[in-house]
Amino acid sequence: MASTWPAKNNYATGDVLTAANMNGVGDDLNDVYNFSGYAAGKNKIINGDFGIWQRGTSFTLSAGTRTYTADRFSDIFVGGSPTVTISQQSFTAGTAPVAGYESSFFHRFALSGTATSNTANQTRQAIEDVRTFAGQTVTFSFWAKADSARTVNVYFGQIFGSGGSADVYTTSVPVSLTTSWARYTSTFS
């Protein structure tokens, strides 16, 4: 059956839709129907380019309160009394850090005021169905920079909800950010 919407040619390599690699309108989809289970390399993060912010594009967080910001993302901080602002920021054309894919936007987590040793900041995205990565090795990569060199911890968790099993979190992986955009990768079982 022919489709009337464009699709990626190769999910495994994460190719981005461009005029050169889109299927023509009415053409059959290339390799989209040919999969079993989860394809290696398929991205499970939705809105990872932070292009969709239906609730607004700037939020001031209250300590201990989860706030839904960019679509599919939530942010929270606990400890201390800093002011935390989450906002959608635009890249100047030609300055995005990812060669071959120029995102228009990024997510900024700005903390001002006094943080304490127990201040913790989180940006989360829930991936539906706890079985999605069951028994698999998962690689999480992202681009980031900070206002000054600092270490952040990346971790994954399984949250079973009320009435389910206790939440399970992986051991955190420390990531040392710099003041320049760089790609960071963490692998979890």
N, C-alpha and C. Protein backbone atom coordinates (compact mmCIF):
# COMPACT_ATOMS: atom_id res chain seq x y z
N MET A 1 0.84 -1.17 0.00
CA MET A 1 0.00 0.00 0.00
C MET A 1 0.88 1.23 0.00
N ALA A 2 0.55 2.20 -0.79
CA ALA A 2 1.32 3.44 -0.85
C ALA A 2 0.89 4.37 0.27
N SER A 3 1.81 5.20 0.67
CA SER A 3 1.54 6.17 1.72
C SER A 3 1.62 7.57 1.13
N THR A 4 0.91 8.50 1.72
CA THR A 4 0.95 9.86 1.22
C THR A 4 1.68 10.79 2.18
N TRP A 5 2.49 10.22 3.09
CA TRP A 5 3.29 11.07 3.98
C TRP A 5 4.74 10.64 3.90
N PRO A 6 5.67 11.58 4.08
CA PRO A 6 7.08 11.23 3.99
C PRO A 6 7.54 10.43 5.20
N ALA A 7 8.55 9.62 5.01
CA ALA A 7 9.10 8.82 6.10
C ALA A 7 10.61 8.77 5.97
N LYS A 8 11.29 8.43 7.07
CA LYS A 8 12.73 8.28 7.04
C LYS A 8 13.11 7.09 6.18
N ASN A 9 14.22 7.19 5.50
CA ASN A 9 14.73 6.07 4.73
C ASN A 9 15.40 5.04 5.61
N ASN A 10 16.02 5.46 6.70
CA ASN A 10 16.82 4.53 7.50
C ASN A 10 16.74 4.90 8.97
N TYR A 11 15.89 4.20 9.72
CA TYR A 11 15.76 4.47 11.15
C TYR A 11 17.02 4.08 11.91
N ALA A 12 17.72 3.06 11.48
CA ALA A 12 18.87 2.57 12.23
C ALA A 12 19.99 3.60 12.32
N THR A 13 20.17 4.44 11.29
CA THR A 13 21.23 5.42 11.33
C THR A 13 20.74 6.76 11.85
N GLY A 14 19.44 6.90 12.07
CA GLY A 14 18.91 8.15 12.60
C GLY A 14 18.91 9.26 11.57
N ASP A 15 18.88 8.91 10.26
CA ASP A 15 18.85 9.94 9.23
C ASP A 15 17.71 10.91 9.47
N VAL A 16 17.95 12.15 9.18
CA VAL A 16 16.97 13.20 9.37
C VAL A 16 16.26 13.43 8.05
N LEU A 17 14.97 13.76 8.11
CA LEU A 17 14.22 14.04 6.90
C LEU A 17 14.78 15.27 6.20
N THR A 18 15.14 15.11 4.95
CA THR A 18 15.55 16.24 4.13
C THR A 18 14.92 16.03 2.76
N ALA A 19 15.02 17.03 1.91
CA ALA A 19 14.48 16.88 0.57
C ALA A 19 15.16 15.73 -0.16
N ALA A 20 16.42 15.46 0.18
CA ALA A 20 17.17 14.42 -0.51
C ALA A 20 16.80 13.01 -0.07
N ASN A 21 16.33 12.84 1.18
CA ASN A 21 16.06 11.47 1.62
C ASN A 21 14.60 11.20 1.97
N MET A 22 13.71 12.11 1.62
CA MET A 22 12.29 11.87 1.86
C MET A 22 11.71 11.07 0.71
N ASN A 23 10.75 10.23 1.02
CA ASN A 23 10.02 9.54 -0.02
C ASN A 23 9.07 10.53 -0.67
N GLY A 24 8.81 10.37 -1.92
CA GLY A 24 7.87 11.24 -2.61
C GLY A 24 6.45 10.96 -2.15
N VAL A 25 5.59 11.92 -2.29
CA VAL A 25 4.19 11.74 -1.92
C VAL A 25 3.62 10.63 -2.78
N GLY A 26 2.97 9.68 -2.14
CA GLY A 26 2.36 8.56 -2.85
C GLY A 26 3.29 7.38 -3.05
N ASP A 27 4.59 7.54 -2.78
CA ASP A 27 5.52 6.42 -2.92
C ASP A 27 5.38 5.47 -1.75
N ASP A 28 5.84 4.23 -1.96
CA ASP A 28 5.84 3.28 -0.85
C ASP A 28 6.90 3.69 0.17
N LEU A 29 6.66 3.33 1.42
CA LEU A 29 7.64 3.62 2.47
C LEU A 29 8.82 2.67 2.34
N ASN A 30 10.01 3.18 2.48
CA ASN A 30 11.21 2.35 2.37
C ASN A 30 11.55 1.74 3.72
N ASP A 31 11.49 0.43 3.85
CA ASP A 31 11.92 -0.32 5.02
C ASP A 31 11.15 -0.01 6.30
N VAL A 32 10.09 0.78 6.26
CA VAL A 32 9.38 1.09 7.49
C VAL A 32 8.53 -0.10 7.94
N TYR A 33 8.00 -0.86 7.00
CA TYR A 33 7.16 -1.99 7.36
C TYR A 33 7.97 -3.20 7.79
N ASN A 34 9.27 -3.21 7.47
CA ASN A 34 10.11 -4.37 7.69
C ASN A 34 10.83 -4.26 9.04
N PHE A 35 10.12 -4.53 10.14
CA PHE A 35 10.77 -4.52 11.44
C PHE A 35 10.10 -5.56 12.33
N SER A 36 10.86 -6.01 13.31
CA SER A 36 10.29 -6.90 14.32
C SER A 36 10.81 -6.42 15.65
N GLY A 37 9.95 -6.19 16.59
CA GLY A 37 10.36 -5.68 17.89
C GLY A 37 10.86 -4.26 17.74
N TYR A 38 11.90 -3.94 18.45
CA TYR A 38 12.45 -2.60 18.41
C TYR A 38 13.69 -2.57 17.53
N ALA A 39 13.73 -1.64 16.62
CA ALA A 39 14.87 -1.52 15.72
C ALA A 39 16.05 -0.92 16.47
N ALA A 40 17.22 -1.47 16.26
CA ALA A 40 18.43 -0.93 16.88
C ALA A 40 18.60 0.52 16.45
N GLY A 41 18.92 1.36 17.39
CA GLY A 41 19.17 2.75 17.07
C GLY A 41 17.93 3.62 16.99
N LYS A 42 16.76 3.05 17.15
CA LYS A 42 15.56 3.85 17.04
C LYS A 42 15.40 4.73 18.27
N ASN A 43 15.19 5.99 18.04
CA ASN A 43 15.08 6.96 19.11
C ASN A 43 13.73 6.85 19.81
N LYS A 44 13.74 6.73 21.12
CA LYS A 44 12.50 6.67 21.90
C LYS A 44 12.17 8.00 22.55
N ILE A 45 13.08 8.97 22.47
CA ILE A 45 12.82 10.29 23.04
C ILE A 45 11.95 11.07 22.06
N ILE A 46 10.83 11.56 22.54
CA ILE A 46 9.91 12.34 21.72
C ILE A 46 10.16 13.82 21.97
N ASN A 47 10.21 14.61 20.92
CA ASN A 47 10.45 16.05 20.98
C ASN A 47 11.86 16.36 21.47
N GLY A 48 12.81 15.51 21.12
CA GLY A 48 14.20 15.70 21.55
C GLY A 48 14.85 16.94 20.99
N ASP A 49 14.26 17.55 19.96
CA ASP A 49 14.80 18.80 19.43
C ASP A 49 14.15 20.01 20.09
N PHE A 50 13.30 19.78 21.08
CA PHE A 50 12.63 20.84 21.86
C PHE A 50 11.92 21.85 20.97
N GLY A 51 11.33 21.37 19.89
CA GLY A 51 10.62 22.25 18.97
C GLY A 51 9.17 22.52 19.35
N ILE A 52 8.59 21.70 20.24
CA ILE A 52 7.17 21.86 20.56
C ILE A 52 7.02 22.16 22.04
N TRP A 53 6.41 23.31 22.34
CA TRP A 53 6.17 23.79 23.70
C TRP A 53 4.73 24.31 23.76
N GLN A 54 3.75 23.44 23.80
CA GLN A 54 2.35 23.86 23.74
C GLN A 54 1.88 24.58 25.01
N ARG A 55 2.57 24.41 26.14
CA ARG A 55 2.15 25.03 27.40
C ARG A 55 2.77 26.41 27.61
N GLY A 56 3.63 26.85 26.71
CA GLY A 56 4.36 28.10 26.85
C GLY A 56 5.83 27.83 26.62
N THR A 57 6.66 28.89 26.57
CA THR A 57 8.08 28.70 26.29
C THR A 57 8.99 29.18 27.41
N SER A 58 8.41 29.54 28.56
CA SER A 58 9.22 29.93 29.71
C SER A 58 8.44 29.63 30.99
N PHE A 59 9.12 29.02 31.96
CA PHE A 59 8.48 28.61 33.21
C PHE A 59 9.40 28.89 34.38
N THR A 60 8.86 29.41 35.47
CA THR A 60 9.59 29.54 36.72
C THR A 60 9.12 28.42 37.62
N LEU A 61 10.06 27.59 38.09
CA LEU A 61 9.70 26.42 38.88
C LEU A 61 9.57 26.77 40.36
N SER A 62 8.67 26.06 41.02
CA SER A 62 8.55 26.11 42.47
C SER A 62 9.25 24.89 43.03
N ALA A 63 10.00 25.06 44.11
CA ALA A 63 10.75 23.95 44.70
C ALA A 63 9.83 22.77 45.00
N GLY A 64 10.25 21.58 44.58
CA GLY A 64 9.53 20.36 44.88
C GLY A 64 8.30 20.11 44.03
N THR A 65 8.02 20.97 43.07
CA THR A 65 6.84 20.81 42.22
C THR A 65 7.28 20.47 40.80
N ARG A 66 6.79 19.34 40.30
CA ARG A 66 7.09 18.94 38.92
C ARG A 66 6.30 19.85 37.99
N THR A 67 6.99 20.42 37.01
CA THR A 67 6.36 21.32 36.05
C THR A 67 6.55 20.75 34.66
N TYR A 68 5.46 20.62 33.91
CA TYR A 68 5.55 20.16 32.53
C TYR A 68 5.90 21.35 31.66
N THR A 69 6.97 21.23 30.89
CA THR A 69 7.53 22.35 30.13
C THR A 69 7.41 22.03 28.64
N ALA A 70 8.51 21.72 27.98
CA ALA A 70 8.46 21.30 26.58
C ALA A 70 7.60 20.04 26.50
N ASP A 71 6.91 19.87 25.39
CA ASP A 71 6.05 18.69 25.26
C ASP A 71 6.83 17.42 25.54
N ARG A 72 6.26 16.55 26.38
CA ARG A 72 6.79 15.27 26.82
C ARG A 72 7.90 15.37 27.87
N PHE A 73 8.28 16.60 28.27
CA PHE A 73 9.31 16.79 29.28
C PHE A 73 8.73 17.43 30.54
N SER A 74 9.33 17.09 31.68
CA SER A 74 8.99 17.77 32.93
C SER A 74 10.29 18.10 33.64
N ASP A 75 10.24 19.14 34.45
CA ASP A 75 11.41 19.59 35.20
C ASP A 75 11.02 19.78 36.65
N ILE A 76 11.99 19.56 37.54
CA ILE A 76 11.77 19.72 38.97
C ILE A 76 13.10 20.06 39.63
N PHE A 77 13.07 20.81 40.71
CA PHE A 77 14.25 20.96 41.55
C PHE A 77 13.82 20.90 43.00
N VAL A 78 14.72 20.44 43.85
CA VAL A 78 14.48 20.36 45.29
C VAL A 78 15.72 20.87 46.01
N GLY A 79 15.55 21.37 47.20
CA GLY A 79 16.66 21.81 48.04
C GLY A 79 17.06 23.25 47.76
N GLY A 80 17.30 24.01 48.82
CA GLY A 80 17.71 25.40 48.68
C GLY A 80 16.55 26.28 48.25
N SER A 81 16.88 27.53 47.94
CA SER A 81 15.83 28.46 47.51
C SER A 81 16.26 29.26 46.28
N PRO A 82 16.86 28.61 45.30
CA PRO A 82 17.23 29.35 44.11
C PRO A 82 15.99 29.62 43.24
N THR A 83 16.15 30.47 42.27
CA THR A 83 15.12 30.68 41.25
C THR A 83 15.53 29.84 40.06
N VAL A 84 14.61 29.01 39.60
CA VAL A 84 14.89 28.14 38.46
C VAL A 84 13.93 28.51 37.34
N THR A 85 14.50 28.77 36.17
CA THR A 85 13.70 29.10 34.99
C THR A 85 14.03 28.11 33.88
N ILE A 86 12.99 27.55 33.29
CA ILE A 86 13.12 26.66 32.14
C ILE A 86 12.61 27.45 30.95
N SER A 87 13.36 27.45 29.85
CA SER A 87 12.89 28.19 28.68
C SER A 87 13.36 27.54 27.38
N GLN A 88 12.58 27.80 26.34
CA GLN A 88 12.96 27.39 25.00
C GLN A 88 13.86 28.49 24.45
N GLN A 89 15.02 28.09 23.95
CA GLN A 89 15.96 29.03 23.37
C GLN A 89 16.17 28.68 21.91
N SER A 90 16.44 29.68 21.10
CA SER A 90 16.66 29.48 19.66
C SER A 90 18.15 29.52 19.35
N PHE A 91 18.57 28.60 18.48
CA PHE A 91 19.92 28.68 17.93
C PHE A 91 19.93 29.73 16.84
N THR A 92 20.99 30.49 16.75
CA THR A 92 21.18 31.38 15.61
C THR A 92 21.49 30.49 14.42
N ALA A 93 20.90 30.77 13.29
CA ALA A 93 21.11 29.94 12.10
C ALA A 93 22.61 29.73 11.87
N GLY A 94 22.98 28.47 11.65
CA GLY A 94 24.37 28.13 11.39
C GLY A 94 25.22 27.88 12.63
N THR A 95 24.63 27.99 13.84
CA THR A 95 25.43 27.81 15.06
C THR A 95 25.07 26.56 15.85
N ALA A 96 24.08 25.80 15.42
CA ALA A 96 23.71 24.59 16.16
C ALA A 96 24.91 23.63 16.16
N PRO A 97 25.13 22.90 17.25
CA PRO A 97 26.36 22.11 17.39
C PRO A 97 26.39 20.80 16.64
N VAL A 98 25.28 20.34 16.11
CA VAL A 98 25.22 19.01 15.51
C VAL A 98 25.39 19.10 14.00
N ALA A 99 26.52 18.62 13.49
CA ALA A 99 26.76 18.65 12.05
C ALA A 99 25.74 17.78 11.33
N GLY A 100 25.18 18.28 10.27
CA GLY A 100 24.23 17.52 9.48
C GLY A 100 22.79 17.65 9.94
N TYR A 101 22.57 18.17 11.13
CA TYR A 101 21.21 18.38 11.60
C TYR A 101 21.20 19.64 12.44
N GLU A 102 20.58 20.65 11.92
CA GLU A 102 20.57 21.92 12.65
C GLU A 102 19.21 22.10 13.31
N SER A 103 19.15 21.79 14.58
CA SER A 103 17.94 22.01 15.35
C SER A 103 17.73 23.51 15.48
N SER A 104 16.49 23.92 15.59
CA SER A 104 16.19 25.34 15.76
C SER A 104 16.22 25.76 17.22
N PHE A 105 16.02 24.79 18.15
CA PHE A 105 15.81 25.15 19.55
C PHE A 105 16.63 24.28 20.50
N PHE A 106 16.75 24.77 21.74
CA PHE A 106 17.28 23.97 22.82
C PHE A 106 16.56 24.33 24.11
N HIS A 107 16.72 23.49 25.13
CA HIS A 107 16.08 23.60 26.44
C HIS A 107 17.10 24.21 27.39
N ARG A 108 16.75 25.33 28.03
CA ARG A 108 17.67 25.95 28.99
C ARG A 108 17.11 25.76 30.39
N PHE A 109 17.96 25.27 31.29
CA PHE A 109 17.66 25.14 32.72
C PHE A 109 18.55 26.14 33.42
N ALA A 110 18.01 27.28 33.83
CA ALA A 110 18.81 28.35 34.43
C ALA A 110 18.49 28.46 35.91
N LEU A 111 19.53 28.38 36.73
CA LEU A 111 19.39 28.47 38.18
C LEU A 111 20.12 29.72 38.65
N SER A 112 19.42 30.57 39.39
CA SER A 112 20.08 31.74 39.96
C SER A 112 19.72 31.80 41.44
N GLY A 113 20.55 32.44 42.21
CA GLY A 113 20.33 32.47 43.65
C GLY A 113 21.23 31.44 44.32
N THR A 114 20.84 31.03 45.51
CA THR A 114 21.69 30.16 46.30
C THR A 114 21.23 28.71 46.25
N ALA A 115 22.08 27.88 45.70
CA ALA A 115 21.85 26.44 45.74
C ALA A 115 22.61 25.90 46.94
N THR A 116 22.16 24.78 47.46
CA THR A 116 22.84 24.16 48.59
C THR A 116 23.38 22.81 48.16
N SER A 117 24.08 22.14 49.04
CA SER A 117 24.65 20.84 48.70
C SER A 117 23.57 19.80 48.43
N ASN A 118 22.33 20.07 48.86
CA ASN A 118 21.26 19.11 48.60
C ASN A 118 20.30 19.58 47.50
N THR A 119 20.69 20.60 46.73
CA THR A 119 19.86 21.03 45.60
C THR A 119 20.02 20.02 44.48
N ALA A 120 18.91 19.53 43.97
CA ALA A 120 18.93 18.57 42.87
C ALA A 120 17.98 19.07 41.79
N ASN A 121 18.43 19.01 40.57
CA ASN A 121 17.64 19.44 39.42
C ASN A 121 17.42 18.25 38.50
N GLN A 122 16.22 18.13 37.96
CA GLN A 122 15.93 17.01 37.06
C GLN A 122 15.15 17.49 35.86
N THR A 123 15.52 16.96 34.71
CA THR A 123 14.71 17.07 33.50
C THR A 123 14.36 15.65 33.13
N ARG A 124 13.08 15.37 32.97
CA ARG A 124 12.63 13.99 32.75
C ARG A 124 11.77 13.85 31.51
N GLN A 125 11.82 12.66 30.92
CA GLN A 125 10.84 12.26 29.93
C GLN A 125 10.47 10.81 30.21
N ALA A 126 9.19 10.56 30.36
CA ALA A 126 8.72 9.19 30.58
C ALA A 126 8.58 8.49 29.23
N ILE A 127 9.14 7.31 29.13
CA ILE A 127 8.99 6.49 27.93
C ILE A 127 7.94 5.44 28.27
N GLU A 128 6.86 5.44 27.53
CA GLU A 128 5.72 4.60 27.88
C GLU A 128 6.04 3.11 27.79
N ASP A 129 5.42 2.37 28.67
CA ASP A 129 5.50 0.91 28.78
C ASP A 129 6.83 0.48 29.37
N VAL A 130 6.78 0.06 30.60
CA VAL A 130 7.97 -0.33 31.34
C VAL A 130 8.75 -1.46 30.65
N ARG A 131 8.11 -2.17 29.74
CA ARG A 131 8.79 -3.26 29.03
C ARG A 131 9.60 -2.78 27.83
N THR A 132 9.54 -1.51 27.49
CA THR A 132 10.18 -1.00 26.28
C THR A 132 11.63 -1.40 26.17
N PHE A 133 12.42 -1.27 27.22
CA PHE A 133 13.84 -1.62 27.17
C PHE A 133 14.18 -2.81 28.06
N ALA A 134 13.21 -3.60 28.43
CA ALA A 134 13.44 -4.73 29.33
C ALA A 134 14.51 -5.66 28.74
N GLY A 135 15.55 -5.94 29.55
CA GLY A 135 16.60 -6.87 29.14
C GLY A 135 17.52 -6.34 28.05
N GLN A 136 17.49 -5.05 27.76
CA GLN A 136 18.30 -4.50 26.68
C GLN A 136 19.34 -3.51 27.24
N THR A 137 20.36 -3.28 26.46
CA THR A 137 21.32 -2.22 26.76
C THR A 137 20.85 -0.98 26.03
N VAL A 138 20.82 0.14 26.73
CA VAL A 138 20.31 1.39 26.19
C VAL A 138 21.44 2.42 26.18
N THR A 139 21.60 3.11 25.08
CA THR A 139 22.56 4.20 24.99
C THR A 139 21.78 5.50 24.89
N PHE A 140 22.09 6.41 25.79
CA PHE A 140 21.45 7.72 25.83
C PHE A 140 22.50 8.76 25.47
N SER A 141 22.25 9.53 24.42
CA SER A 141 23.21 10.58 24.05
C SER A 141 22.48 11.90 23.96
N PHE A 142 23.20 12.96 24.25
CA PHE A 142 22.61 14.29 24.22
C PHE A 142 23.71 15.32 24.03
N TRP A 143 23.33 16.49 23.59
CA TRP A 143 24.23 17.63 23.45
C TRP A 143 23.96 18.58 24.58
N ALA A 144 25.00 19.12 25.20
CA ALA A 144 24.80 20.03 26.33
C ALA A 144 26.01 20.93 26.49
N LYS A 145 25.80 22.02 27.21
CA LYS A 145 26.87 22.89 27.69
C LYS A 145 26.37 23.53 28.97
N ALA A 146 27.28 24.12 29.73
CA ALA A 146 26.92 24.76 31.00
C ALA A 146 27.55 26.15 31.05
N ASP A 147 27.10 26.96 32.00
CA ASP A 147 27.67 28.30 32.16
C ASP A 147 29.09 28.25 32.72
N SER A 148 29.41 27.17 33.43
CA SER A 148 30.76 26.91 33.91
C SER A 148 30.92 25.39 33.98
N ALA A 149 32.15 24.92 34.01
CA ALA A 149 32.38 23.47 34.07
C ALA A 149 31.70 22.90 35.30
N ARG A 150 30.95 21.84 35.11
CA ARG A 150 30.24 21.20 36.22
C ARG A 150 29.91 19.76 35.85
N THR A 151 29.65 18.98 36.87
CA THR A 151 29.29 17.57 36.67
C THR A 151 27.81 17.39 36.93
N VAL A 152 27.15 16.69 36.02
CA VAL A 152 25.75 16.32 36.20
C VAL A 152 25.68 14.80 36.21
N ASN A 153 24.64 14.27 36.79
CA ASN A 153 24.45 12.83 36.84
C ASN A 153 23.28 12.43 35.95
N VAL A 154 23.51 11.45 35.11
CA VAL A 154 22.48 10.93 34.22
C VAL A 154 22.09 9.56 34.75
N TYR A 155 20.79 9.30 34.85
CA TYR A 155 20.34 7.98 35.27
C TYR A 155 19.00 7.66 34.63
N PHE A 156 18.68 6.37 34.61
CA PHE A 156 17.40 5.89 34.11
C PHE A 156 16.65 5.25 35.24
N GLY A 157 15.34 5.29 35.17
CA GLY A 157 14.53 4.65 36.20
C GLY A 157 13.32 3.98 35.60
N GLN A 158 12.84 3.00 36.31
CA GLN A 158 11.56 2.38 35.98
C GLN A 158 10.60 2.77 37.08
N ILE A 159 9.54 3.45 36.69
CA ILE A 159 8.55 3.92 37.65
C ILE A 159 7.25 3.17 37.35
N PHE A 160 6.83 2.35 38.28
CA PHE A 160 5.72 1.45 38.05
C PHE A 160 4.37 2.05 38.42
N GLY A 161 4.36 3.22 39.04
CA GLY A 161 3.10 3.87 39.38
C GLY A 161 2.49 3.34 40.66
N SER A 162 1.39 3.96 41.07
CA SER A 162 0.75 3.55 42.31
C SER A 162 0.21 2.13 42.18
N GLY A 163 0.42 1.34 43.20
CA GLY A 163 -0.04 -0.05 43.20
C GLY A 163 0.91 -1.00 42.52
N GLY A 164 1.98 -0.49 41.91
CA GLY A 164 2.95 -1.34 41.23
C GLY A 164 4.14 -1.62 42.12
N SER A 165 5.16 -2.19 41.53
CA SER A 165 6.40 -2.48 42.25
C SER A 165 7.08 -1.18 42.65
N ALA A 166 8.07 -1.29 43.52
CA ALA A 166 8.86 -0.12 43.92
C ALA A 166 9.64 0.39 42.71
N ASP A 167 9.85 1.70 42.65
CA ASP A 167 10.62 2.29 41.57
C ASP A 167 12.05 1.75 41.60
N VAL A 168 12.65 1.60 40.42
CA VAL A 168 14.00 1.09 40.29
C VAL A 168 14.81 2.09 39.47
N TYR A 169 15.96 2.51 39.99
CA TYR A 169 16.80 3.45 39.28
C TYR A 169 18.18 2.84 39.04
N THR A 170 18.78 3.18 37.91
CA THR A 170 20.14 2.73 37.62
C THR A 170 21.11 3.53 38.46
N THR A 171 22.31 3.07 38.54
CA THR A 171 23.37 3.85 39.16
C THR A 171 23.62 5.06 38.27
N SER A 172 23.75 6.23 38.87
CA SER A 172 23.94 7.43 38.06
C SER A 172 25.32 7.41 37.41
N VAL A 173 25.38 8.00 36.23
CA VAL A 173 26.63 8.12 35.50
C VAL A 173 27.01 9.60 35.50
N PRO A 174 28.14 9.97 36.12
CA PRO A 174 28.54 11.38 36.13
C PRO A 174 29.01 11.82 34.74
N VAL A 175 28.57 13.00 34.33
CA VAL A 175 28.95 13.57 33.04
C VAL A 175 29.52 14.96 33.31
N SER A 176 30.74 15.20 32.87
CA SER A 176 31.41 16.49 33.10
C SER A 176 31.13 17.43 31.93
N LEU A 177 30.28 18.43 32.17
CA LEU A 177 29.94 19.40 31.14
C LEU A 177 31.00 20.50 31.08
N THR A 178 31.16 21.09 29.91
CA THR A 178 32.05 22.23 29.72
C THR A 178 31.21 23.42 29.26
N THR A 179 31.87 24.51 28.93
CA THR A 179 31.15 25.71 28.47
C THR A 179 30.94 25.72 26.96
N SER A 180 31.33 24.65 26.28
CA SER A 180 31.12 24.52 24.83
C SER A 180 30.17 23.36 24.57
N TRP A 181 29.39 23.48 23.50
CA TRP A 181 28.50 22.39 23.14
C TRP A 181 29.31 21.14 22.86
N ALA A 182 28.88 20.01 23.41
CA ALA A 182 29.53 18.72 23.17
C ALA A 182 28.49 17.63 23.28
N ARG A 183 28.76 16.51 22.65
CA ARG A 183 27.87 15.36 22.72
C ARG A 183 28.34 14.46 23.85
N TYR A 184 27.39 14.02 24.67
CA TYR A 184 27.67 13.13 25.80
C TYR A 184 26.86 11.86 25.62
N THR A 185 27.45 10.74 26.03
CA THR A 185 26.80 9.44 25.86
C THR A 185 26.93 8.62 27.14
N SER A 186 25.83 8.00 27.55
CA SER A 186 25.84 7.08 28.70
C SER A 186 25.14 5.81 28.28
N THR A 187 25.65 4.68 28.72
CA THR A 187 25.06 3.38 28.38
C THR A 187 24.61 2.68 29.65
N PHE A 188 23.40 2.11 29.60
CA PHE A 188 22.79 1.46 30.76
C PHE A 188 22.27 0.09 30.35
N SER A 189 22.27 -0.83 31.30
CA SER A 189 21.64 -2.15 31.08
C SER A 189 20.26 -2.10 31.68
